[in-house]
Amino acid sequence: VQVTGLEIEPSRVLPPRDGVTFALGGFELAGLRADVVRAFNVLRQYDVDQVHAAWETMQAELHPGGVIIEGTCDEIGRCWIARAR
C-alpha cells in the first residue's frame, strides 16, 4: 500500500516518514490516482456551494471502484462517512 499525505500549504509538506510520503496538492490529488481518499475535517472549511465541485474533482482521480471517505467529527466523536459514486 502506498500512502501519500497531501497538503495545500507548501511549508507544511513533510519529508517521508513511517511509510508515508507527503506531497503538495489538494482536491486534484496532486495528479495521483487513488483507491481511497480520506478527507476528514477538510470540506467543512469551505462554503457549502464549493463542496460539490470538490467531490467531483476528487472522484475524477479515483481508480474504478475507488472510494472517498469524508467526514467531520463533533465534540462526542460522531462523524459522517460517504462512499464515492
PDB file of N, CA and C in Angstrom:
ATOM      1  N   VAL A   1       0.849  -1.176   0.000  1.00  0.00           N
ATOM      2  CA  VAL A   1       0.000   0.000   0.000  1.00  0.00           C
ATOM      3  C   VAL A   1       0.889   1.231   0.000  1.00  0.00           C
ATOM      4  N   GLN A   2       0.594   2.149  -0.887  1.00  0.00           N
ATOM      5  CA  GLN A   2       1.296   3.428  -0.914  1.00  0.00           C
ATOM      6  C   GLN A   2       0.380   4.473  -0.299  1.00  0.00           C
ATOM      7  N   VAL A   3       0.859   5.178   0.709  1.00  0.00           N
ATOM      8  CA  VAL A   3       0.086   6.207   1.382  1.00  0.00           C
ATOM      9  C   VAL A   3       0.766   7.547   1.145  1.00  0.00           C
ATOM     10  N   THR A   4      -0.018   8.508   0.663  1.00  0.00           N
ATOM     11  CA  THR A   4       0.506   9.850   0.425  1.00  0.00           C
ATOM     12  C   THR A   4      -0.384  10.855   1.130  1.00  0.00           C
ATOM     13  N   GLY A   5       0.215  11.684   1.953  1.00  0.00           N
ATOM     14  CA  GLY A   5      -0.498  12.766   2.618  1.00  0.00           C
ATOM     15  C   GLY A   5      -0.367  14.021   1.780  1.00  0.00           C
ATOM     16  N   LEU A   6      -1.480  14.703   1.538  1.00  0.00           N
ATOM     17  CA  LEU A   6      -1.447  15.921   0.737  1.00  0.00           C
ATOM     18  C   LEU A   6      -1.644  17.144   1.616  1.00  0.00           C
ATOM     19  N   GLU A   7      -0.972  18.201   1.249  1.00  0.00           N
ATOM     20  CA  GLU A   7      -1.033  19.455   1.996  1.00  0.00           C
ATOM     21  C   GLU A   7      -1.113  20.600   0.995  1.00  0.00           C
ATOM     22  N   ILE A   8      -1.988  21.570   1.239  1.00  0.00           N
ATOM     23  CA  ILE A   8      -2.106  22.702   0.324  1.00  0.00           C
ATOM     24  C   ILE A   8      -1.134  23.825   0.670  1.00  0.00           C
ATOM     25  N   GLU A   9      -0.550  23.778   1.844  1.00  0.00           N
ATOM     26  CA  GLU A   9       0.416  24.798   2.274  1.00  0.00           C
ATOM     27  C   GLU A   9       1.826  24.238   2.103  1.00  0.00           C
ATOM     28  N   PRO A  10       2.613  24.795   1.171  1.00  0.00           N
ATOM     29  CA  PRO A  10       3.944  24.245   0.888  1.00  0.00           C
ATOM     30  C   PRO A  10       4.842  24.088   2.121  1.00  0.00           C
ATOM     31  N   SER A  11       4.753  24.991   3.055  1.00  0.00           N
ATOM     32  CA  SER A  11       5.637  24.905   4.230  1.00  0.00           C
ATOM     33  C   SER A  11       5.284  23.744   5.153  1.00  0.00           C
ATOM     34  N   ARG A  12       4.119  23.134   4.970  1.00  0.00           N
ATOM     35  CA  ARG A  12       3.714  22.009   5.821  1.00  0.00           C
ATOM     36  C   ARG A  12       3.910  20.646   5.162  1.00  0.00           C
ATOM     37  N   VAL A  13       4.456  20.609   3.948  1.00  0.00           N
ATOM     38  CA  VAL A  13       4.756  19.330   3.295  1.00  0.00           C
ATOM     39  C   VAL A  13       5.987  18.751   3.982  1.00  0.00           C
ATOM     40  N   LEU A  14       5.851  17.562   4.545  1.00  0.00           N
ATOM     41  CA  LEU A  14       6.907  16.937   5.340  1.00  0.00           C
ATOM     42  C   LEU A  14       7.737  15.965   4.521  1.00  0.00           C
ATOM     43  N   PRO A  15       8.945  15.671   4.987  1.00  0.00           N
ATOM     44  CA  PRO A  15       9.716  14.590   4.365  1.00  0.00           C
ATOM     45  C   PRO A  15       9.021  13.248   4.648  1.00  0.00           C
ATOM     46  N   PRO A  16       9.278  12.226   3.837  1.00  0.00           N
ATOM     47  CA  PRO A  16       8.670  10.908   4.094  1.00  0.00           C
ATOM     48  C   PRO A  16       8.999  10.406   5.499  1.00  0.00           C
ATOM     49  N   ARG A  17       8.030   9.727   6.106  1.00  0.00           N
ATOM     50  CA  ARG A  17       8.272   9.114   7.421  1.00  0.00           C
ATOM     51  C   ARG A  17       7.229   8.038   7.685  1.00  0.00           C
ATOM     52  N   ASP A  18       7.645   7.024   8.399  1.00  0.00           N
ATOM     53  CA  ASP A  18       6.739   5.945   8.827  1.00  0.00           C
ATOM     54  C   ASP A  18       5.935   5.352   7.668  1.00  0.00           C
ATOM     55  N   GLY A  19       6.547   5.242   6.483  1.00  0.00           N
ATOM     56  CA  GLY A  19       5.870   4.637   5.345  1.00  0.00           C
ATOM     57  C   GLY A  19       4.915   5.560   4.616  1.00  0.00           C
ATOM     58  N   VAL A  20       4.905   6.839   4.963  1.00  0.00           N
ATOM     59  CA  VAL A  20       4.009   7.802   4.323  1.00  0.00           C
ATOM     60  C   VAL A  20       4.846   8.851   3.603  1.00  0.00           C
ATOM     61  N   THR A  21       4.507   9.104   2.334  1.00  0.00           N
ATOM     62  CA  THR A  21       5.122  10.212   1.622  1.00  0.00           C
ATOM     63  C   THR A  21       4.152  11.387   1.660  1.00  0.00           C
ATOM     64  N   PHE A  22       4.663  12.574   1.455  1.00  0.00           N
ATOM     65  CA  PHE A  22       3.836  13.776   1.501  1.00  0.00           C
ATOM     66  C   PHE A  22       4.055  14.569   0.226  1.00  0.00           C
ATOM     67  N   ALA A  23       3.007  15.231  -0.253  1.00  0.00           N
ATOM     68  CA  ALA A  23       3.093  15.995  -1.496  1.00  0.00           C
ATOM     69  C   ALA A  23       2.234  17.249  -1.387  1.00  0.00           C
ATOM     70  N   LEU A  24       2.539  18.198  -2.236  1.00  0.00           N
ATOM     71  CA  LEU A  24       1.768  19.421  -2.335  1.00  0.00           C
ATOM     72  C   LEU A  24       0.572  19.158  -3.233  1.00  0.00           C
ATOM     73  N   GLY A  25      -0.620  19.372  -2.727  1.00  0.00           N
ATOM     74  CA  GLY A  25      -1.806  19.137  -3.539  1.00  0.00           C
ATOM     75  C   GLY A  25      -3.075  19.308  -2.743  1.00  0.00           C
ATOM     76  N   GLY A  26      -4.175  19.251  -3.459  1.00  0.00           N
ATOM     77  CA  GLY A  26      -5.487  19.407  -2.842  1.00  0.00           C
ATOM     78  C   GLY A  26      -6.470  18.423  -3.424  1.00  0.00           C
ATOM     79  N   PHE A  27      -7.655  18.912  -3.771  1.00  0.00           N
ATOM     80  CA  PHE A  27      -8.704  18.030  -4.262  1.00  0.00           C
ATOM     81  C   PHE A  27      -8.339  17.338  -5.571  1.00  0.00           C
ATOM     82  N   GLU A  28      -7.387  17.880  -6.324  1.00  0.00           N
ATOM     83  CA  GLU A  28      -6.948  17.240  -7.565  1.00  0.00           C
ATOM     84  C   GLU A  28      -5.999  16.085  -7.275  1.00  0.00           C
ATOM     85  N   LEU A  29      -5.695  15.854  -6.001  1.00  0.00           N
ATOM     86  CA  LEU A  29      -4.876  14.744  -5.510  1.00  0.00           C
ATOM     87  C   LEU A  29      -3.450  14.768  -6.064  1.00  0.00           C
ATOM     88  N   ALA A  30      -2.954  15.953  -6.346  1.00  0.00           N
ATOM     89  CA  ALA A  30      -1.569  16.140  -6.809  1.00  0.00           C
ATOM     90  C   ALA A  30      -1.274  15.319  -8.062  1.00  0.00           C
ATOM     91  N   GLY A  31      -2.312  15.056  -8.855  1.00  0.00           N
ATOM     92  CA  GLY A  31      -2.122  14.282 -10.081  1.00  0.00           C
ATOM     93  C   GLY A  31      -2.016  12.788  -9.857  1.00  0.00           C
ATOM     94  N   LEU A  32      -2.211  12.334  -8.632  1.00  0.00           N
ATOM     95  CA  LEU A  32      -2.138  10.910  -8.310  1.00  0.00           C
ATOM     96  C   LEU A  32      -3.486  10.250  -8.564  1.00  0.00           C
ATOM     97  N   ARG A  33      -3.487   8.959  -8.858  1.00  0.00           N
ATOM     98  CA  ARG A  33      -4.717   8.171  -8.944  1.00  0.00           C
ATOM     99  C   ARG A  33      -4.828   7.408  -7.632  1.00  0.00           C
ATOM    100  N   ALA A  34      -6.011   7.337  -7.066  1.00  0.00           N
ATOM    101  CA  ALA A  34      -6.171   6.757  -5.742  1.00  0.00           C
ATOM    102  C   ALA A  34      -7.246   5.685  -5.709  1.00  0.00           C
ATOM    103  N   ASP A  35      -7.088   4.739  -4.788  1.00  0.00           N
ATOM    104  CA  ASP A  35      -8.130   3.770  -4.490  1.00  0.00           C
ATOM    105  C   ASP A  35      -9.003   4.267  -3.347  1.00  0.00           C
ATOM    106  N   VAL A  36      -8.382   4.967  -2.411  1.00  0.00           N
ATOM    107  CA  VAL A  36      -9.087   5.503  -1.246  1.00  0.00           C
ATOM    108  C   VAL A  36      -8.592   6.920  -0.989  1.00  0.00           C
ATOM    109  N   VAL A  37      -9.538   7.826  -0.771  1.00  0.00           N
ATOM    110  CA  VAL A  37      -9.219   9.191  -0.353  1.00  0.00           C
ATOM    111  C   VAL A  37      -9.882   9.406   0.993  1.00  0.00           C
ATOM    112  N   ARG A  38      -9.093   9.816   1.983  1.00  0.00           N
ATOM    113  CA  ARG A  38      -9.612  10.163   3.311  1.00  0.00           C
ATOM    114  C   ARG A  38      -9.515  11.666   3.436  1.00  0.00           C
ATOM    115  N   ALA A  39     -10.654  12.322   3.643  1.00  0.00           N
ATOM    116  CA  ALA A  39     -10.675  13.781   3.702  1.00  0.00           C
ATOM    117  C   ALA A  39     -11.436  14.256   4.934  1.00  0.00           C
ATOM    118  N   PHE A  40     -11.025  13.841   6.097  1.00  0.00           N
ATOM    119  CA  PHE A  40     -11.724  14.245   7.308  1.00  0.00           C
ATOM    120  C   PHE A  40     -11.373  15.669   7.710  1.00  0.00           C
ATOM    121  N   ASN A  41     -12.384  16.390   8.145  1.00  0.00           N
ATOM    122  CA  ASN A  41     -12.239  17.762   8.632  1.00  0.00           C
ATOM    123  C   ASN A  41     -11.635  18.686   7.583  1.00  0.00           C
ATOM    124  N   VAL A  42     -11.901  18.403   6.303  1.00  0.00           N
ATOM    125  CA  VAL A  42     -11.383  19.228   5.205  1.00  0.00           C
ATOM    126  C   VAL A  42     -12.502  20.079   4.614  1.00  0.00           C
ATOM    127  N   LEU A  43     -13.562  19.443   4.144  1.00  0.00           N
ATOM    128  CA  LEU A  43     -14.608  20.173   3.431  1.00  0.00           C
ATOM    129  C   LEU A  43     -15.363  21.160   4.316  1.00  0.00           C
ATOM    130  N   ARG A  44     -15.330  20.992   5.615  1.00  0.00           N
ATOM    131  CA  ARG A  44     -16.031  21.934   6.492  1.00  0.00           C
ATOM    132  C   ARG A  44     -15.402  23.320   6.445  1.00  0.00           C
ATOM    133  N   GLN A  45     -14.203  23.415   5.900  1.00  0.00           N
ATOM    134  CA  GLN A  45     -13.517  24.699   5.790  1.00  0.00           C
ATOM    135  C   GLN A  45     -14.005  25.514   4.593  1.00  0.00           C
ATOM    136  N   TYR A  46     -14.825  24.903   3.744  1.00  0.00           N
ATOM    137  CA  TYR A  46     -15.263  25.543   2.515  1.00  0.00           C
ATOM    138  C   TYR A  46     -16.736  25.903   2.593  1.00  0.00           C
ATOM    139  N   ASP A  47     -17.154  26.869   1.774  1.00  0.00           N
ATOM    140  CA  ASP A  47     -18.564  27.207   1.687  1.00  0.00           C
ATOM    141  C   ASP A  47     -19.328  26.028   1.092  1.00  0.00           C
ATOM    142  N   VAL A  48     -20.573  25.885   1.483  1.00  0.00           N
ATOM    143  CA  VAL A  48     -21.406  24.774   1.028  1.00  0.00           C
ATOM    144  C   VAL A  48     -21.453  24.709  -0.493  1.00  0.00           C
ATOM    145  N   ASP A  49     -21.503  25.843  -1.159  1.00  0.00           N
ATOM    146  CA  ASP A  49     -21.603  25.838  -2.618  1.00  0.00           C
ATOM    147  C   ASP A  49     -20.311  25.386  -3.305  1.00  0.00           C
ATOM    148  N   GLN A  50     -19.223  25.193  -2.575  1.00  0.00           N
ATOM    149  CA  GLN A  50     -17.963  24.719  -3.136  1.00  0.00           C
ATOM    150  C   GLN A  50     -17.772  23.205  -2.978  1.00  0.00           C
ATOM    151  N   VAL A  51     -18.571  22.582  -2.150  1.00  0.00           N
ATOM    152  CA  VAL A  51     -18.373  21.169  -1.811  1.00  0.00           C
ATOM    153  C   VAL A  51     -18.609  20.239  -3.002  1.00  0.00           C
ATOM    154  N   HIS A  52     -19.653  20.468  -3.774  1.00  0.00           N
ATOM    155  CA  HIS A  52     -19.953  19.593  -4.917  1.00  0.00           C
ATOM    156  C   HIS A  52     -18.779  19.555  -5.892  1.00  0.00           C
ATOM    157  N   ALA A  53     -18.211  20.696  -6.199  1.00  0.00           N
ATOM    158  CA  ALA A  53     -17.070  20.745  -7.119  1.00  0.00           C
ATOM    159  C   ALA A  53     -15.866  20.011  -6.535  1.00  0.00           C
ATOM    160  N   ALA A  54     -15.658  20.127  -5.238  1.00  0.00           N
ATOM    161  CA  ALA A  54     -14.541  19.424  -4.596  1.00  0.00           C
ATOM    162  C   ALA A  54     -14.728  17.913  -4.713  1.00  0.00           C
ATOM    163  N   TRP A  55     -15.952  17.425  -4.467  1.00  0.00           N
ATOM    164  CA  TRP A  55     -16.243  15.993  -4.612  1.00  0.00           C
ATOM    165  C   TRP A  55     -15.994  15.541  -6.045  1.00  0.00           C
ATOM    166  N   GLU A  56     -16.469  16.292  -7.015  1.00  0.00           N
ATOM    167  CA  GLU A  56     -16.275  15.916  -8.413  1.00  0.00           C
ATOM    168  C   GLU A  56     -14.798  15.857  -8.781  1.00  0.00           C
ATOM    169  N   THR A  57     -14.025  16.803  -8.270  1.00  0.00           N
ATOM    170  CA  THR A  57     -12.585  16.815  -8.547  1.00  0.00           C
ATOM    171  C   THR A  57     -11.913  15.584  -7.957  1.00  0.00           C
ATOM    172  N   MET A  58     -12.234  15.239  -6.720  1.00  0.00           N
ATOM    173  CA  MET A  58     -11.639  14.054  -6.100  1.00  0.00           C
ATOM    174  C   MET A  58     -12.084  12.778  -6.816  1.00  0.00           C
ATOM    175  N   GLN A  59     -13.369  12.679  -7.146  1.00  0.00           N
ATOM    176  CA  GLN A  59     -13.881  11.488  -7.822  1.00  0.00           C
ATOM    177  C   GLN A  59     -13.197  11.258  -9.160  1.00  0.00           C
ATOM    178  N   ALA A  60     -12.849  12.326  -9.851  1.00  0.00           N
ATOM    179  CA  ALA A  60     -12.206  12.195 -11.156  1.00  0.00           C
ATOM    180  C   ALA A  60     -10.833  11.544 -11.059  1.00  0.00           C
ATOM    181  N   GLU A  61     -10.223  11.562  -9.893  1.00  0.00           N
ATOM    182  CA  GLU A  61      -8.885  10.996  -9.721  1.00  0.00           C
ATOM    183  C   GLU A  61      -8.886   9.618  -9.064  1.00  0.00           C
ATOM    184  N   LEU A  62     -10.063   9.051  -8.844  1.00  0.00           N
ATOM    185  CA  LEU A  62     -10.149   7.716  -8.256  1.00  0.00           C
ATOM    186  C   LEU A  62      -9.977   6.632  -9.316  1.00  0.00           C
ATOM    187  N   HIS A  63      -9.354   5.525  -8.921  1.00  0.00           N
ATOM    188  CA  HIS A  63      -9.382   4.328  -9.759  1.00  0.00           C
ATOM    189  C   HIS A  63     -10.821   3.818  -9.785  1.00  0.00           C
ATOM    190  N   PRO A  64     -11.200   3.031 -10.797  1.00  0.00           N
ATOM    191  CA  PRO A  64     -12.540   2.448 -10.803  1.00  0.00           C
ATOM    192  C   PRO A  64     -12.793   1.691  -9.494  1.00  0.00           C
ATOM    193  N   GLY A  65     -13.942   1.913  -8.907  1.00  0.00           N
ATOM    194  CA  GLY A  65     -14.283   1.269  -7.645  1.00  0.00           C
ATOM    195  C   GLY A  65     -13.694   1.965  -6.429  1.00  0.00           C
ATOM    196  N   GLY A  66     -12.950   3.056  -6.644  1.00  0.00           N
ATOM    197  CA  GLY A  66     -12.347   3.785  -5.535  1.00  0.00           C
ATOM    198  C   GLY A  66     -13.389   4.472  -4.664  1.00  0.00           C
ATOM    199  N   VAL A  67     -12.995   4.819  -3.465  1.00  0.00           N
ATOM    200  CA  VAL A  67     -13.920   5.445  -2.520  1.00  0.00           C
ATOM    201  C   VAL A  67     -13.317   6.702  -1.915  1.00  0.00           C
ATOM    202  N   ILE A  68     -14.212   7.601  -1.533  1.00  0.00           N
ATOM    203  CA  ILE A  68     -13.848   8.783  -0.770  1.00  0.00           C
ATOM    204  C   ILE A  68     -14.496   8.613   0.597  1.00  0.00           C
ATOM    205  N   ILE A  69     -13.700   8.716   1.622  1.00  0.00           N
ATOM    206  CA  ILE A  69     -14.212   8.679   2.987  1.00  0.00           C
ATOM    207  C   ILE A  69     -14.046  10.091   3.517  1.00  0.00           C
ATOM    208  N   GLU A  70     -15.155  10.780   3.684  1.00  0.00           N
ATOM    209  CA  GLU A  70     -15.127  12.172   4.071  1.00  0.00           C
ATOM    210  C   GLU A  70     -16.009  12.353   5.280  1.00  0.00           C
ATOM    211  N   GLY A  71     -15.581  13.172   6.161  1.00  0.00           N
ATOM    212  CA  GLY A  71     -16.416  13.424   7.320  1.00  0.00           C
ATOM    213  C   GLY A  71     -15.810  14.450   8.236  1.00  0.00           C
ATOM    214  N   THR A  72     -16.561  14.743   9.256  1.00  0.00           N
ATOM    215  CA  THR A  72     -16.098  15.642  10.292  1.00  0.00           C
ATOM    216  C   THR A  72     -16.711  15.161  11.595  1.00  0.00           C
ATOM    217  N   CYS A  73     -16.022  15.351  12.664  1.00  0.00           N
ATOM    218  CA  CYS A  73     -16.496  14.876  13.964  1.00  0.00           C
ATOM    219  C   CYS A  73     -16.994  16.035  14.811  1.00  0.00           C
ATOM    220  N   ASP A  74     -18.027  15.753  15.558  1.00  0.00           N
ATOM    221  CA  ASP A  74     -18.468  16.740  16.534  1.00  0.00           C
ATOM    222  C   ASP A  74     -17.774  16.454  17.865  1.00  0.00           C
ATOM    223  N   GLU A  75     -18.175  17.137  18.893  1.00  0.00           N
ATOM    224  CA  GLU A  75     -17.497  17.028  20.186  1.00  0.00           C
ATOM    225  C   GLU A  75     -17.505  15.627  20.785  1.00  0.00           C
ATOM    226  N   ILE A  76     -18.516  14.818  20.447  1.00  0.00           N
ATOM    227  CA  ILE A  76     -18.571  13.476  21.028  1.00  0.00           C
ATOM    228  C   ILE A  76     -18.139  12.390  20.042  1.00  0.00           C
ATOM    229  N   GLY A  77     -17.527  12.806  18.921  1.00  0.00           N
ATOM    230  CA  GLY A  77     -16.925  11.830  18.016  1.00  0.00           C
ATOM    231  C   GLY A  77     -17.802  11.276  16.920  1.00  0.00           C
ATOM    232  N   ARG A  78     -19.032  11.783  16.780  1.00  0.00           N
ATOM    233  CA  ARG A  78     -19.874  11.304  15.680  1.00  0.00           C
ATOM    234  C   ARG A  78     -19.315  11.862  14.377  1.00  0.00           C
ATOM    235  N   CYS A  79     -19.376  11.069  13.326  1.00  0.00           N
ATOM    236  CA  CYS A  79     -18.898  11.568  12.038  1.00  0.00           C
ATOM    237  C   CYS A  79     -19.766  11.026  10.919  1.00  0.00           C
ATOM    238  N   TRP A  80     -19.739  11.728   9.802  1.00  0.00           N
ATOM    239  CA  TRP A  80     -20.486  11.345   8.614  1.00  0.00           C
ATOM    240  C   TRP A  80     -19.510  10.760   7.616  1.00  0.00           C
ATOM    241  N   ILE A  81     -19.839   9.637   7.037  1.00  0.00           N
ATOM    242  CA  ILE A  81     -18.969   8.972   6.066  1.00  0.00           C
ATOM    243  C   ILE A  81     -19.797   8.686   4.820  1.00  0.00           C
ATOM    244  N   ALA A  82     -19.188   8.883   3.661  1.00  0.00           N
ATOM    245  CA  ALA A  82     -19.897   8.638   2.403  1.00  0.00           C
ATOM    246  C   ALA A  82     -19.031   7.857   1.444  1.00  0.00           C
ATOM    247  N   ARG A  83     -19.637   7.136   0.559  1.00  0.00           N
ATOM    248  CA  ARG A  83     -18.924   6.400  -0.498  1.00  0.00           C
ATOM    249  C   ARG A  83     -19.065   7.194  -1.784  1.00  0.00           C
ATOM    250  N   ALA A  84     -17.969   7.237  -2.535  1.00  0.00           N
ATOM    251  CA  ALA A  84     -17.996   7.940  -3.813  1.00  0.00           C
ATOM    252  C   ALA A  84     -18.923   7.243  -4.793  1.00  0.00           C
ATOM    253  N   ARG A  85     -19.483   7.999  -5.682  1.00  0.00           N
ATOM    254  CA  ARG A  85     -20.341   7.427  -6.726  1.00  0.00           C
ATOM    255  C   ARG A  85     -19.504   6.686  -7.728  1.00  0.00           C
TER     256      ARG A  85
END
